[in-house]
């Protein structure tokens, strides 16, 4: 057992999949090439009702990974349910979420573990994901060699994480943002299993539509006092997959409305308004995301105050010393 919580493994990598046998194979190959010792982690594949060769592909890695495979009946797109099933059968202290079609650098899992172990506070970790969105990578990278593929993208200097514009703007220190949960994407992230149970896991009301179930989880982790951090050294490549932009835009908008109805906060209102204005298709085409931190501060400043003012004063900027102290407190054991 491992010291973090007495669990069998340090990490459980939860991989939801649906009819992506080839992409699942690439993902499992990258997980079998990790520098983290095999005894420290397991891989939990949750099949959301596939009719292709996904089961056979997963079985082919049983001798290379501590592998669990679970199947849930095909009742439509149910990624929240799939991840929750993975969490429930996981035997690791920390759950790392990696979608099928994502290939992980060989040091990725070790970096997730390092980030959790070196923060005194419980953290929810965002990993760095090259290529989320629509990029033409055929013939450019070898999906069977994650390290070489990621190194090639770094050398090209043209393919980044779609959130890079916000990461860079705030010096990759997203823990100090007012709404870091807006950057918490389920395709490559991690959190302690105990924390996930504490906040109620993924909300399965999002099943049937694409998007927002991961930000909803991030919102609740943040409200629960979890520090949301970026682990820039935990890198993956999201292989390109065909996507119906119009359907995703419509479904994400519906899920954003549910999100706001659920919480009824200024943060949820800003989140909904921004998505209805700058939708998923816009973000994909521009290869960047909305700066929700900036939008929320502006919205907060417009809120009426008890003295009748509008609260338009700019928020006090923290000094470099204050910010360094906060970062140190979060990163020292």
C-alpha atoms as a PDB file:
ATOM      1  CA  UNK A   1       0.000   0.000   0.000  1.00  0.00           C
ATOM      2  CA  UNK A   2       1.075   3.578  -0.572  1.00  0.00           C
ATOM      3  CA  UNK A   3       1.524   6.182   2.094  1.00  0.00           C
ATOM      4  CA  UNK A   4      -0.734   8.898   0.696  1.00  0.00           C
ATOM      5  CA  UNK A   5      -3.924   7.208   1.864  1.00  0.00           C
ATOM      6  CA  UNK A   6      -3.277   3.508   2.292  1.00  0.00           C
ATOM      7  CA  UNK A   7      -4.528   2.748  -1.230  1.00  0.00           C
ATOM      8  CA  UNK A   8      -3.087  -0.037  -3.373  1.00  0.00           C
ATOM      9  CA  UNK A   9      -1.612   2.419  -5.912  1.00  0.00           C
ATOM     10  CA  UNK A  10      -0.458   5.993  -5.922  1.00  0.00           C
ATOM     11  CA  UNK A  11      -2.392   6.714  -9.121  1.00  0.00           C
ATOM     12  CA  UNK A  12      -5.387   5.363 -10.999  1.00  0.00           C
ATOM     13  CA  UNK A  13      -5.508   6.539 -14.610  1.00  0.00           C
ATOM     14  CA  UNK A  14      -9.167   6.661 -15.693  1.00  0.00           C
ATOM     15  CA  UNK A  15      -9.630   6.380 -19.469  1.00  0.00           C
ATOM     16  CA  UNK A  16     -13.191   6.671 -20.844  1.00  0.00           C
ATOM     17  CA  UNK A  17     -13.612   5.476 -24.420  1.00  0.00           C
ATOM     18  CA  UNK A  18     -16.228   4.841 -27.080  1.00  0.00           C
ATOM     19  CA  UNK A  19     -15.552   3.225 -30.453  1.00  0.00           C
ATOM     20  CA  UNK A  20     -11.975   4.512 -30.589  1.00  0.00           C
ATOM     21  CA  UNK A  21     -10.097   1.231 -30.617  1.00  0.00           C
ATOM     22  CA  UNK A  22      -7.081   2.559 -32.514  1.00  0.00           C
ATOM     23  CA  UNK A  23      -6.851   5.755 -30.459  1.00  0.00           C
ATOM     24  CA  UNK A  24      -7.260   3.745 -27.249  1.00  0.00           C
ATOM     25  CA  UNK A  25      -4.304   1.641 -28.324  1.00  0.00           C
ATOM     26  CA  UNK A  26      -2.145   4.739 -28.751  1.00  0.00           C
ATOM     27  CA  UNK A  27      -3.173   5.958 -25.286  1.00  0.00           C
ATOM     28  CA  UNK A  28      -2.448   2.645 -23.575  1.00  0.00           C
ATOM     29  CA  UNK A  29       0.879   2.342 -25.388  1.00  0.00           C
ATOM     30  CA  UNK A  30       1.940   5.729 -23.998  1.00  0.00           C
ATOM     31  CA  UNK A  31       0.847   4.718 -20.489  1.00  0.00           C
ATOM     32  CA  UNK A  32       2.852   1.509 -20.738  1.00  0.00           C
ATOM     33  CA  UNK A  33       5.962   3.590 -21.521  1.00  0.00           C
ATOM     34  CA  UNK A  34       5.852   5.694 -18.322  1.00  0.00           C
ATOM     35  CA  UNK A  35       8.959   6.338 -16.217  1.00  0.00           C
ATOM     36  CA  UNK A  36       6.846   5.859 -13.084  1.00  0.00           C
ATOM     37  CA  UNK A  37       7.214   2.294 -11.883  1.00  0.00           C
ATOM     38  CA  UNK A  38       4.382   0.046 -12.998  1.00  0.00           C
ATOM     39  CA  UNK A  39       3.660  -0.943  -9.389  1.00  0.00           C
ATOM     40  CA  UNK A  40       2.734   2.669  -8.562  1.00  0.00           C
ATOM     41  CA  UNK A  41      -0.268   3.008 -10.869  1.00  0.00           C
ATOM     42  CA  UNK A  42      -3.149   1.235 -12.530  1.00  0.00           C
ATOM     43  CA  UNK A  43      -5.124   2.026 -15.680  1.00  0.00           C
ATOM     44  CA  UNK A  44      -8.921   1.848 -15.552  1.00  0.00           C
ATOM     45  CA  UNK A  45     -10.531   1.727 -19.005  1.00  0.00           C
ATOM     46  CA  UNK A  46     -14.249   2.517 -18.973  1.00  0.00           C
ATOM     47  CA  UNK A  47     -15.959   1.528 -22.218  1.00  0.00           C
ATOM     48  CA  UNK A  48     -19.083   3.623 -22.831  1.00  0.00           C
ATOM     49  CA  UNK A  49     -20.763   0.970 -24.981  1.00  0.00           C
ATOM     50  CA  UNK A  50     -18.292   0.414 -27.838  1.00  0.00           C
ATOM     51  CA  UNK A  51     -19.096  -1.985 -30.668  1.00  0.00           C
ATOM     52  CA  UNK A  52     -15.603  -1.988 -32.190  1.00  0.00           C
ATOM     53  CA  UNK A  53     -12.416  -3.769 -31.074  1.00  0.00           C
ATOM     54  CA  UNK A  54     -11.873  -1.655 -27.948  1.00  0.00           C
ATOM     55  CA  UNK A  55     -12.128  -4.623 -25.569  1.00  0.00           C
ATOM     56  CA  UNK A  56      -9.553  -6.620 -27.521  1.00  0.00           C
ATOM     57  CA  UNK A  57      -7.213  -3.633 -27.658  1.00  0.00           C
ATOM     58  CA  UNK A  58      -7.466  -3.133 -23.901  1.00  0.00           C
ATOM     59  CA  UNK A  59      -6.922  -6.861 -23.209  1.00  0.00           C
ATOM     60  CA  UNK A  60      -3.769  -6.700 -25.294  1.00  0.00           C
ATOM     61  CA  UNK A  61      -2.154  -4.471 -22.643  1.00  0.00           C
ATOM     62  CA  UNK A  62      -2.921  -6.667 -19.631  1.00  0.00           C
ATOM     63  CA  UNK A  63       0.649  -7.959 -19.505  1.00  0.00           C
ATOM     64  CA  UNK A  64       2.113  -4.427 -19.660  1.00  0.00           C
ATOM     65  CA  UNK A  65      -0.175  -2.509 -17.293  1.00  0.00           C
ATOM     66  CA  UNK A  66      -2.126  -3.039 -14.109  1.00  0.00           C
ATOM     67  CA  UNK A  67      -5.303  -2.879 -16.149  1.00  0.00           C
ATOM     68  CA  UNK A  68      -8.980  -2.892 -15.279  1.00  0.00           C
ATOM     69  CA  UNK A  69     -11.660  -2.861 -17.981  1.00  0.00           C
ATOM     70  CA  UNK A  70     -15.327  -2.067 -17.314  1.00  0.00           C
ATOM     71  CA  UNK A  71     -18.175  -1.790 -19.790  1.00  0.00           C
ATOM     72  CA  UNK A  72     -21.376   0.230 -19.462  1.00  0.00           C
ATOM     73  CA  UNK A  73     -24.286  -0.189 -21.849  1.00  0.00           C
ATOM     74  CA  UNK A  74     -24.544   2.241 -24.731  1.00  0.00           C
ATOM     75  CA  UNK A  75     -27.156   4.778 -23.658  1.00  0.00           C
ATOM     76  CA  UNK A  76     -25.671   7.689 -25.543  1.00  0.00           C
ATOM     77  CA  UNK A  77     -22.752   9.939 -24.646  1.00  0.00           C
ATOM     78  CA  UNK A  78     -22.120   9.405 -20.920  1.00  0.00           C
ATOM     79  CA  UNK A  79     -18.616  10.603 -20.124  1.00  0.00           C
ATOM     80  CA  UNK A  80     -19.545  11.806 -16.611  1.00  0.00           C
ATOM     81  CA  UNK A  81     -20.988   8.394 -15.763  1.00  0.00           C
ATOM     82  CA  UNK A  82     -17.995   6.651 -17.308  1.00  0.00           C
ATOM     83  CA  UNK A  83     -15.496   8.654 -15.272  1.00  0.00           C
ATOM     84  CA  UNK A  84     -17.531   8.129 -12.108  1.00  0.00           C
ATOM     85  CA  UNK A  85     -17.516   4.376 -12.671  1.00  0.00           C
ATOM     86  CA  UNK A  86     -13.747   4.567 -13.083  1.00  0.00           C
ATOM     87  CA  UNK A  87     -13.377   6.514  -9.839  1.00  0.00           C
ATOM     88  CA  UNK A  88     -15.538   4.033  -7.937  1.00  0.00           C
ATOM     89  CA  UNK A  89     -13.490   1.004  -8.948  1.00  0.00           C
ATOM     90  CA  UNK A  90     -10.122   2.778  -8.744  1.00  0.00           C
ATOM     91  CA  UNK A  91      -7.665   1.573  -6.119  1.00  0.00           C
ATOM     92  CA  UNK A  92      -5.335   4.564  -6.347  1.00  0.00           C
ATOM     93  CA  UNK A  93      -5.115   7.547  -4.006  1.00  0.00           C
ATOM     94  CA  UNK A  94      -5.118   9.982  -6.933  1.00  0.00           C
ATOM     95  CA  UNK A  95      -7.256   9.757 -10.068  1.00  0.00           C
ATOM     96  CA  UNK A  96      -5.660  10.969 -13.295  1.00  0.00           C
ATOM     97  CA  UNK A  97      -8.137  11.530 -16.118  1.00  0.00           C
ATOM     98  CA  UNK A  98      -6.842  10.858 -19.626  1.00  0.00           C
ATOM     99  CA  UNK A  99      -9.193  10.568 -22.598  1.00  0.00           C
ATOM    100  CA  UNK A 100      -8.717   7.933 -25.274  1.00  0.00           C
ATOM    101  CA  UNK A 101      -6.866   9.518 -28.170  1.00  0.00           C
ATOM    102  CA  UNK A 102      -4.552  11.328 -25.736  1.00  0.00           C
ATOM    103  CA  UNK A 103      -0.925  10.140 -25.672  1.00  0.00           C
ATOM    104  CA  UNK A 104       1.085  10.895 -22.551  1.00  0.00           C
ATOM    105  CA  UNK A 105       4.754  11.844 -22.367  1.00  0.00           C
ATOM    106  CA  UNK A 106       6.705   9.123 -20.585  1.00  0.00           C
ATOM    107  CA  UNK A 107       7.208  11.376 -17.534  1.00  0.00           C
ATOM    108  CA  UNK A 108       3.594  12.550 -17.358  1.00  0.00           C
ATOM    109  CA  UNK A 109       2.342  10.386 -14.502  1.00  0.00           C
ATOM    110  CA  UNK A 110       5.447  10.955 -12.414  1.00  0.00           C
ATOM    111  CA  UNK A 111       4.897  14.702 -12.753  1.00  0.00           C
ATOM    112  CA  UNK A 112       1.253  14.444 -11.661  1.00  0.00           C
ATOM    113  CA  UNK A 113       2.343  12.498  -8.602  1.00  0.00           C
ATOM    114  CA  UNK A 114       5.127  14.983  -7.835  1.00  0.00           C
ATOM    115  CA  UNK A 115       2.709  17.888  -8.008  1.00  0.00           C
ATOM    116  CA  UNK A 116       0.329  16.267  -5.521  1.00  0.00           C
ATOM    117  CA  UNK A 117       3.073  15.188  -3.130  1.00  0.00           C
ATOM    118  CA  UNK A 118       4.906  18.539  -3.036  1.00  0.00           C
ATOM    119  CA  UNK A 119       1.874  20.708  -2.266  1.00  0.00           C
ATOM    120  CA  UNK A 120       0.872  20.979   1.381  1.00  0.00           C
ATOM    121  CA  UNK A 121      -2.686  21.777   0.354  1.00  0.00           C
ATOM    122  CA  UNK A 122      -4.843  19.281  -1.529  1.00  0.00           C
ATOM    123  CA  UNK A 123      -4.695  20.246  -5.179  1.00  0.00           C
ATOM    124  CA  UNK A 124      -6.618  19.661  -8.378  1.00  0.00           C
ATOM    125  CA  UNK A 125      -4.073  19.449 -11.173  1.00  0.00           C
ATOM    126  CA  UNK A 126      -4.421  20.631 -14.753  1.00  0.00           C
ATOM    127  CA  UNK A 127      -1.975  18.946 -17.107  1.00  0.00           C
ATOM    128  CA  UNK A 128      -0.660  20.573 -20.273  1.00  0.00           C
ATOM    129  CA  UNK A 129      -2.357  19.303 -23.436  1.00  0.00           C
ATOM    130  CA  UNK A 130      -0.799  19.926 -26.824  1.00  0.00           C
ATOM    131  CA  UNK A 131      -3.156  19.973 -29.751  1.00  0.00           C
ATOM    132  CA  UNK A 132      -6.618  20.164 -28.183  1.00  0.00           C
ATOM    133  CA  UNK A 133      -8.844  21.500 -30.919  1.00  0.00           C
ATOM    134  CA  UNK A 134      -8.348  21.048 -34.621  1.00  0.00           C
ATOM    135  CA  UNK A 135      -4.803  20.631 -35.853  1.00  0.00           C
ATOM    136  CA  UNK A 136      -3.497  18.765 -38.875  1.00  0.00           C
ATOM    137  CA  UNK A 137      -0.882  16.394 -37.495  1.00  0.00           C
ATOM    138  CA  UNK A 138      -1.093  13.469 -39.923  1.00  0.00           C
ATOM    139  CA  UNK A 139       2.377  12.668 -41.206  1.00  0.00           C
ATOM    140  CA  UNK A 140       3.888  15.084 -38.669  1.00  0.00           C
ATOM    141  CA  UNK A 141       3.976  12.920 -35.537  1.00  0.00           C
ATOM    142  CA  UNK A 142       4.100   9.215 -34.734  1.00  0.00           C
ATOM    143  CA  UNK A 143       1.217   8.420 -32.317  1.00  0.00           C
ATOM    144  CA  UNK A 144       3.137   5.369 -31.075  1.00  0.00           C
ATOM    145  CA  UNK A 145       5.958   7.553 -29.739  1.00  0.00           C
ATOM    146  CA  UNK A 146       4.548  10.233 -27.452  1.00  0.00           C
ATOM    147  CA  UNK A 147       7.908  11.690 -26.395  1.00  0.00           C
ATOM    148  CA  UNK A 148       9.115  12.177 -29.948  1.00  0.00           C
ATOM    149  CA  UNK A 149       5.733  13.544 -31.043  1.00  0.00           C
ATOM    150  CA  UNK A 150       5.635  16.138 -28.260  1.00  0.00           C
ATOM    151  CA  UNK A 151       9.288  17.088 -28.832  1.00  0.00           C
ATOM    152  CA  UNK A 152       8.526  17.681 -32.503  1.00  0.00           C
ATOM    153  CA  UNK A 153       5.589  19.948 -31.650  1.00  0.00           C
ATOM    154  CA  UNK A 154       7.743  21.908 -29.207  1.00  0.00           C
ATOM    155  CA  UNK A 155      10.391  22.337 -31.910  1.00  0.00           C
ATOM    156  CA  UNK A 156       7.767  23.462 -34.442  1.00  0.00           C
ATOM    157  CA  UNK A 157       6.541  26.104 -32.001  1.00  0.00           C
ATOM    158  CA  UNK A 158       3.110  26.289 -33.610  1.00  0.00           C
ATOM    159  CA  UNK A 159       0.976  23.826 -31.646  1.00  0.00           C
ATOM    160  CA  UNK A 160       0.182  24.583 -28.015  1.00  0.00           C
ATOM    161  CA  UNK A 161      -2.432  23.870 -25.388  1.00  0.00           C
ATOM    162  CA  UNK A 162      -5.548  25.790 -26.447  1.00  0.00           C
ATOM    163  CA  UNK A 163      -5.425  27.501 -23.009  1.00  0.00           C
ATOM    164  CA  UNK A 164      -1.871  28.737 -23.578  1.00  0.00           C
ATOM    165  CA  UNK A 165      -3.024  32.346 -24.090  1.00  0.00           C
ATOM    166  CA  UNK A 166      -4.401  32.438 -20.523  1.00  0.00           C
ATOM    167  CA  UNK A 167      -1.604  30.342 -19.000  1.00  0.00           C
ATOM    168  CA  UNK A 168       1.033  32.663 -20.421  1.00  0.00           C
ATOM    169  CA  UNK A 169      -0.838  35.854 -19.515  1.00  0.00           C
ATOM    170  CA  UNK A 170      -0.735  34.907 -15.829  1.00  0.00           C
ATOM    171  CA  UNK A 171       2.781  33.432 -15.832  1.00  0.00           C
ATOM    172  CA  UNK A 172       1.368  29.889 -15.577  1.00  0.00           C
ATOM    173  CA  UNK A 173       0.350  30.680 -11.973  1.00  0.00           C
ATOM    174  CA  UNK A 174      -3.340  29.888 -12.333  1.00  0.00           C
ATOM    175  CA  UNK A 175      -3.853  29.141  -8.652  1.00  0.00           C
ATOM    176  CA  UNK A 176      -4.199  32.875  -8.024  1.00  0.00           C
ATOM    177  CA  UNK A 177      -7.001  33.365 -10.549  1.00  0.00           C
ATOM    178  CA  UNK A 178     -10.539  34.047  -9.358  1.00  0.00           C
ATOM    179  CA  UNK A 179     -12.040  31.314 -11.549  1.00  0.00           C
ATOM    180  CA  UNK A 180      -9.310  28.713 -12.222  1.00  0.00           C
ATOM    181  CA  UNK A 181     -11.991  26.020 -12.543  1.00  0.00           C
ATOM    182  CA  UNK A 182     -12.857  27.350 -16.023  1.00  0.00           C
ATOM    183  CA  UNK A 183      -9.511  25.867 -17.161  1.00  0.00           C
ATOM    184  CA  UNK A 184     -10.097  22.441 -15.592  1.00  0.00           C
ATOM    185  CA  UNK A 185     -10.535  20.095 -18.561  1.00  0.00           C
ATOM    186  CA  UNK A 186     -11.310  16.447 -17.871  1.00  0.00           C
ATOM    187  CA  UNK A 187      -9.294  15.102 -20.800  1.00  0.00           C
ATOM    188  CA  UNK A 188      -6.041  15.562 -18.845  1.00  0.00           C
ATOM    189  CA  UNK A 189      -6.316  16.411 -15.164  1.00  0.00           C
ATOM    190  CA  UNK A 190      -6.043  14.838 -11.726  1.00  0.00           C
ATOM    191  CA  UNK A 191      -7.381  15.056  -8.183  1.00  0.00           C
ATOM    192  CA  UNK A 192      -7.260  12.992  -5.025  1.00  0.00           C
ATOM    193  CA  UNK A 193      -9.923  10.309  -4.990  1.00  0.00           C
ATOM    194  CA  UNK A 194     -11.045  11.313  -1.498  1.00  0.00           C
ATOM    195  CA  UNK A 195     -11.564  14.890  -2.718  1.00  0.00           C
ATOM    196  CA  UNK A 196     -13.645  13.682  -5.666  1.00  0.00           C
ATOM    197  CA  UNK A 197     -15.962  11.734  -3.361  1.00  0.00           C
ATOM    198  CA  UNK A 198     -16.120  14.676  -0.994  1.00  0.00           C
ATOM    199  CA  UNK A 199     -17.542  16.995  -3.680  1.00  0.00           C
ATOM    200  CA  UNK A 200     -19.859  14.385  -5.208  1.00  0.00           C
ATOM    201  CA  UNK A 201     -17.925  13.189  -8.291  1.00  0.00           C
ATOM    202  CA  UNK A 202     -18.901  14.281 -11.812  1.00  0.00           C
ATOM    203  CA  UNK A 203     -22.495  15.461 -12.182  1.00  0.00           C
ATOM    204  CA  UNK A 204     -24.208  12.855 -14.357  1.00  0.00           C
ATOM    205  CA  UNK A 205     -26.934  15.327 -15.365  1.00  0.00           C
ATOM    206  CA  UNK A 206     -24.439  16.405 -18.050  1.00  0.00           C
ATOM    207  CA  UNK A 207     -24.636  12.988 -19.695  1.00  0.00           C
ATOM    208  CA  UNK A 208     -26.034  13.084 -23.209  1.00  0.00           C
ATOM    209  CA  UNK A 209     -24.373  16.390 -24.113  1.00  0.00           C
ATOM    210  CA  UNK A 210     -20.773  17.388 -24.682  1.00  0.00           C
ATOM    211  CA  UNK A 211     -18.897  19.708 -22.356  1.00  0.00           C
ATOM    212  CA  UNK A 212     -18.910  21.519 -18.968  1.00  0.00           C
ATOM    213  CA  UNK A 213     -19.062  18.418 -16.723  1.00  0.00           C
ATOM    214  CA  UNK A 214     -15.340  18.877 -16.066  1.00  0.00           C
ATOM    215  CA  UNK A 215     -15.560  22.598 -15.260  1.00  0.00           C
ATOM    216  CA  UNK A 216     -18.482  21.837 -12.958  1.00  0.00           C
ATOM    217  CA  UNK A 217     -16.268  19.396 -11.051  1.00  0.00           C
ATOM    218  CA  UNK A 218     -13.476  21.984 -10.991  1.00  0.00           C
ATOM    219  CA  UNK A 219     -15.925  24.575  -9.639  1.00  0.00           C
ATOM    220  CA  UNK A 220     -16.899  22.320  -6.740  1.00  0.00           C
ATOM    221  CA  UNK A 221     -13.297  21.383  -5.975  1.00  0.00           C
ATOM    222  CA  UNK A 222     -12.420  25.077  -5.925  1.00  0.00           C
ATOM    223  CA  UNK A 223     -15.394  25.911  -3.680  1.00  0.00           C
ATOM    224  CA  UNK A 224     -14.268  23.106  -1.381  1.00  0.00           C
ATOM    225  CA  UNK A 225     -10.914  24.813  -0.907  1.00  0.00           C
ATOM    226  CA  UNK A 226      -8.827  22.811  -3.362  1.00  0.00           C
ATOM    227  CA  UNK A 227      -5.961  24.711  -4.956  1.00  0.00           C
ATOM    228  CA  UNK A 228      -6.229  24.349  -8.741  1.00  0.00           C
ATOM    229  CA  UNK A 229      -2.755  24.360 -10.262  1.00  0.00           C
ATOM    230  CA  UNK A 230      -1.151  23.867 -13.644  1.00  0.00           C
ATOM    231  CA  UNK A 231       1.506  21.167 -13.833  1.00  0.00           C
ATOM    232  CA  UNK A 232       3.303  22.412 -16.933  1.00  0.00           C
ATOM    233  CA  UNK A 233       5.722  19.480 -16.868  1.00  0.00           C
ATOM    234  CA  UNK A 234       2.918  16.889 -17.157  1.00  0.00           C
ATOM    235  CA  UNK A 235       2.408  16.904 -20.908  1.00  0.00           C
ATOM    236  CA  UNK A 236       0.229  14.999 -23.347  1.00  0.00           C
ATOM    237  CA  UNK A 237      -0.737  15.271 -26.989  1.00  0.00           C
ATOM    238  CA  UNK A 238      -4.427  15.201 -27.873  1.00  0.00           C
ATOM    239  CA  UNK A 239      -4.526  13.476 -31.242  1.00  0.00           C
ATOM    240  CA  UNK A 240      -6.875  15.124 -33.771  1.00  0.00           C
ATOM    241  CA  UNK A 241     -10.324  13.581 -34.024  1.00  0.00           C
ATOM    242  CA  UNK A 242     -13.233  14.596 -36.242  1.00  0.00           C
ATOM    243  CA  UNK A 243     -15.772  16.681 -34.359  1.00  0.00           C
ATOM    244  CA  UNK A 244     -19.171  18.137 -35.159  1.00  0.00           C
ATOM    245  CA  UNK A 245     -18.588  21.772 -34.240  1.00  0.00           C
ATOM    246  CA  UNK A 246     -22.226  22.770 -34.494  1.00  0.00           C
ATOM    247  CA  UNK A 247     -23.359  19.930 -32.235  1.00  0.00           C
ATOM    248  CA  UNK A 248     -20.659  20.657 -29.663  1.00  0.00           C
ATOM    249  CA  UNK A 249     -21.512  24.349 -29.687  1.00  0.00           C
ATOM    250  CA  UNK A 250     -25.190  23.626 -29.110  1.00  0.00           C
ATOM    251  CA  UNK A 251     -24.600  21.013 -26.428  1.00  0.00           C
ATOM    252  CA  UNK A 252     -22.026  23.076 -24.537  1.00  0.00           C
ATOM    253  CA  UNK A 253     -24.406  26.026 -24.529  1.00  0.00           C
ATOM    254  CA  UNK A 254     -27.189  23.848 -23.086  1.00  0.00           C
ATOM    255  CA  UNK A 255     -24.843  22.509 -20.432  1.00  0.00           C
ATOM    256  CA  UNK A 256     -23.707  26.032 -19.561  1.00  0.00           C
ATOM    257  CA  UNK A 257     -27.330  26.986 -18.974  1.00  0.00           C
ATOM    258  CA  UNK A 258     -27.759  23.992 -16.691  1.00  0.00           C
ATOM    259  CA  UNK A 259     -24.549  24.995 -14.867  1.00  0.00           C
ATOM    260  CA  UNK A 260     -25.886  28.494 -14.212  1.00  0.00           C
ATOM    261  CA  UNK A 261     -29.316  27.242 -13.152  1.00  0.00           C
ATOM    262  CA  UNK A 262     -27.589  24.907 -10.728  1.00  0.00           C
ATOM    263  CA  UNK A 263     -25.397  27.495  -8.986  1.00  0.00           C
ATOM    264  CA  UNK A 264     -27.007  30.906  -9.651  1.00  0.00           C
ATOM    265  CA  UNK A 265     -23.801  32.825  -8.862  1.00  0.00           C
ATOM    266  CA  UNK A 266     -22.064  35.734 -10.548  1.00  0.00           C
ATOM    267  CA  UNK A 267     -19.344  33.310 -11.652  1.00  0.00           C
ATOM    268  CA  UNK A 268     -21.868  30.968 -13.291  1.00  0.00           C
ATOM    269  CA  UNK A 269     -23.581  33.934 -14.974  1.00  0.00           C
ATOM    270  CA  UNK A 270     -20.294  35.210 -16.440  1.00  0.00           C
ATOM    271  CA  UNK A 271     -19.444  31.678 -17.566  1.00  0.00           C
ATOM    272  CA  UNK A 272     -22.771  31.310 -19.370  1.00  0.00           C
ATOM    273  CA  UNK A 273     -22.664  34.762 -20.963  1.00  0.00           C
ATOM    274  CA  UNK A 274     -19.155  34.232 -22.283  1.00  0.00           C
ATOM    275  CA  UNK A 275     -19.967  30.843 -23.770  1.00  0.00           C
ATOM    276  CA  UNK A 276     -23.042  32.199 -25.518  1.00  0.00           C
ATOM    277  CA  UNK A 277     -20.959  35.027 -26.955  1.00  0.00           C
ATOM    278  CA  UNK A 278     -17.614  33.290 -27.639  1.00  0.00           C
ATOM    279  CA  UNK A 279     -18.683  29.719 -28.208  1.00  0.00           C
ATOM    280  CA  UNK A 280     -16.762  26.485 -28.655  1.00  0.00           C
ATOM    281  CA  UNK A 281     -16.424  26.924 -32.416  1.00  0.00           C
ATOM    282  CA  UNK A 282     -14.847  30.361 -31.904  1.00  0.00           C
ATOM    283  CA  UNK A 283     -12.346  28.985 -29.410  1.00  0.00           C
ATOM    284  CA  UNK A 284     -11.396  26.110 -31.703  1.00  0.00           C
ATOM    285  CA  UNK A 285     -10.977  28.314 -34.744  1.00  0.00           C
ATOM    286  CA  UNK A 286      -8.898  30.889 -32.826  1.00  0.00           C
ATOM    287  CA  UNK A 287      -6.992  28.159 -30.927  1.00  0.00           C
ATOM    288  CA  UNK A 288      -7.354  30.054 -27.663  1.00  0.00           C
ATOM    289  CA  UNK A 289      -9.829  30.349 -24.817  1.00  0.00           C
ATOM    290  CA  UNK A 290     -11.735  33.149 -23.152  1.00  0.00           C
ATOM    291  CA  UNK A 291     -10.055  34.870 -20.187  1.00  0.00           C
ATOM    292  CA  UNK A 292     -12.787  34.256 -17.625  1.00  0.00           C
ATOM    293  CA  UNK A 293     -10.679  35.739 -14.817  1.00  0.00           C
ATOM    294  CA  UNK A 294     -10.658  39.115 -16.526  1.00  0.00           C
ATOM    295  CA  UNK A 295     -14.357  38.896 -17.361  1.00  0.00           C
ATOM    296  CA  UNK A 296     -15.279  37.961 -13.802  1.00  0.00           C
ATOM    297  CA  UNK A 297     -13.290  40.813 -12.248  1.00  0.00           C
ATOM    298  CA  UNK A 298     -15.004  43.260 -14.621  1.00  0.00           C
ATOM    299  CA  UNK A 299     -18.430  41.834 -13.772  1.00  0.00           C
ATOM    300  CA  UNK A 300     -17.670  41.915 -10.056  1.00  0.00           C
ATOM    301  CA  UNK A 301     -16.630  45.552 -10.323  1.00  0.00           C
ATOM    302  CA  UNK A 302     -20.005  46.428 -11.837  1.00  0.00           C
ATOM    303  CA  UNK A 303     -21.955  44.900  -8.957  1.00  0.00           C
ATOM    304  CA  UNK A 304     -23.867  47.451  -6.828  1.00  0.00           C
ATOM    305  CA  UNK A 305     -22.434  48.055  -3.370  1.00  0.00           C
ATOM    306  CA  UNK A 306     -24.214  48.605  -0.078  1.00  0.00           C
ATOM    307  CA  UNK A 307     -23.230  52.305  -0.176  1.00  0.00           C
ATOM    308  CA  UNK A 308     -24.882  52.734  -3.556  1.00  0.00           C
ATOM    309  CA  UNK A 309     -21.674  52.773  -5.575  1.00  0.00           C
ATOM    310  CA  UNK A 310     -20.919  50.487  -8.468  1.00  0.00           C
ATOM    311  CA  UNK A 311     -17.725  48.965  -7.184  1.00  0.00           C
ATOM    312  CA  UNK A 312     -15.855  50.074 -10.284  1.00  0.00           C
ATOM    313  CA  UNK A 313     -12.594  50.597  -8.401  1.00  0.00           C
ATOM    314  CA  UNK A 314      -9.866  48.370  -9.777  1.00  0.00           C
ATOM    315  CA  UNK A 315      -8.979  45.508  -7.454  1.00  0.00           C
ATOM    316  CA  UNK A 316      -5.835  46.047  -5.422  1.00  0.00           C
ATOM    317  CA  UNK A 317      -2.865  44.433  -7.120  1.00  0.00           C
ATOM    318  CA  UNK A 318      -0.894  42.121  -4.887  1.00  0.00           C
ATOM    319  CA  UNK A 319       2.781  42.887  -4.625  1.00  0.00           C
ATOM    320  CA  UNK A 320       5.386  40.572  -6.091  1.00  0.00           C
ATOM    321  CA  UNK A 321       6.380  39.695  -2.522  1.00  0.00           C
ATOM    322  CA  UNK A 322       2.812  38.723  -1.608  1.00  0.00           C
ATOM    323  CA  UNK A 323       2.423  36.584  -4.722  1.00  0.00           C
ATOM    324  CA  UNK A 324       5.780  34.871  -4.157  1.00  0.00           C
ATOM    325  CA  UNK A 325       4.791  34.145  -0.558  1.00  0.00           C
ATOM    326  CA  UNK A 326       1.485  32.620  -1.668  1.00  0.00           C
ATOM    327  CA  UNK A 327       3.179  30.428  -4.255  1.00  0.00           C
ATOM    328  CA  UNK A 328       5.746  29.302  -1.721  1.00  0.00           C
ATOM    329  CA  UNK A 329       3.074  28.388   0.794  1.00  0.00           C
ATOM    330  CA  UNK A 330       1.362  26.222  -1.788  1.00  0.00           C
ATOM    331  CA  UNK A 331       4.471  24.503  -3.087  1.00  0.00           C
ATOM    332  CA  UNK A 332       6.512  23.764   0.060  1.00  0.00           C
ATOM    333  CA  UNK A 333       5.956  20.609   2.054  1.00  0.00           C
END
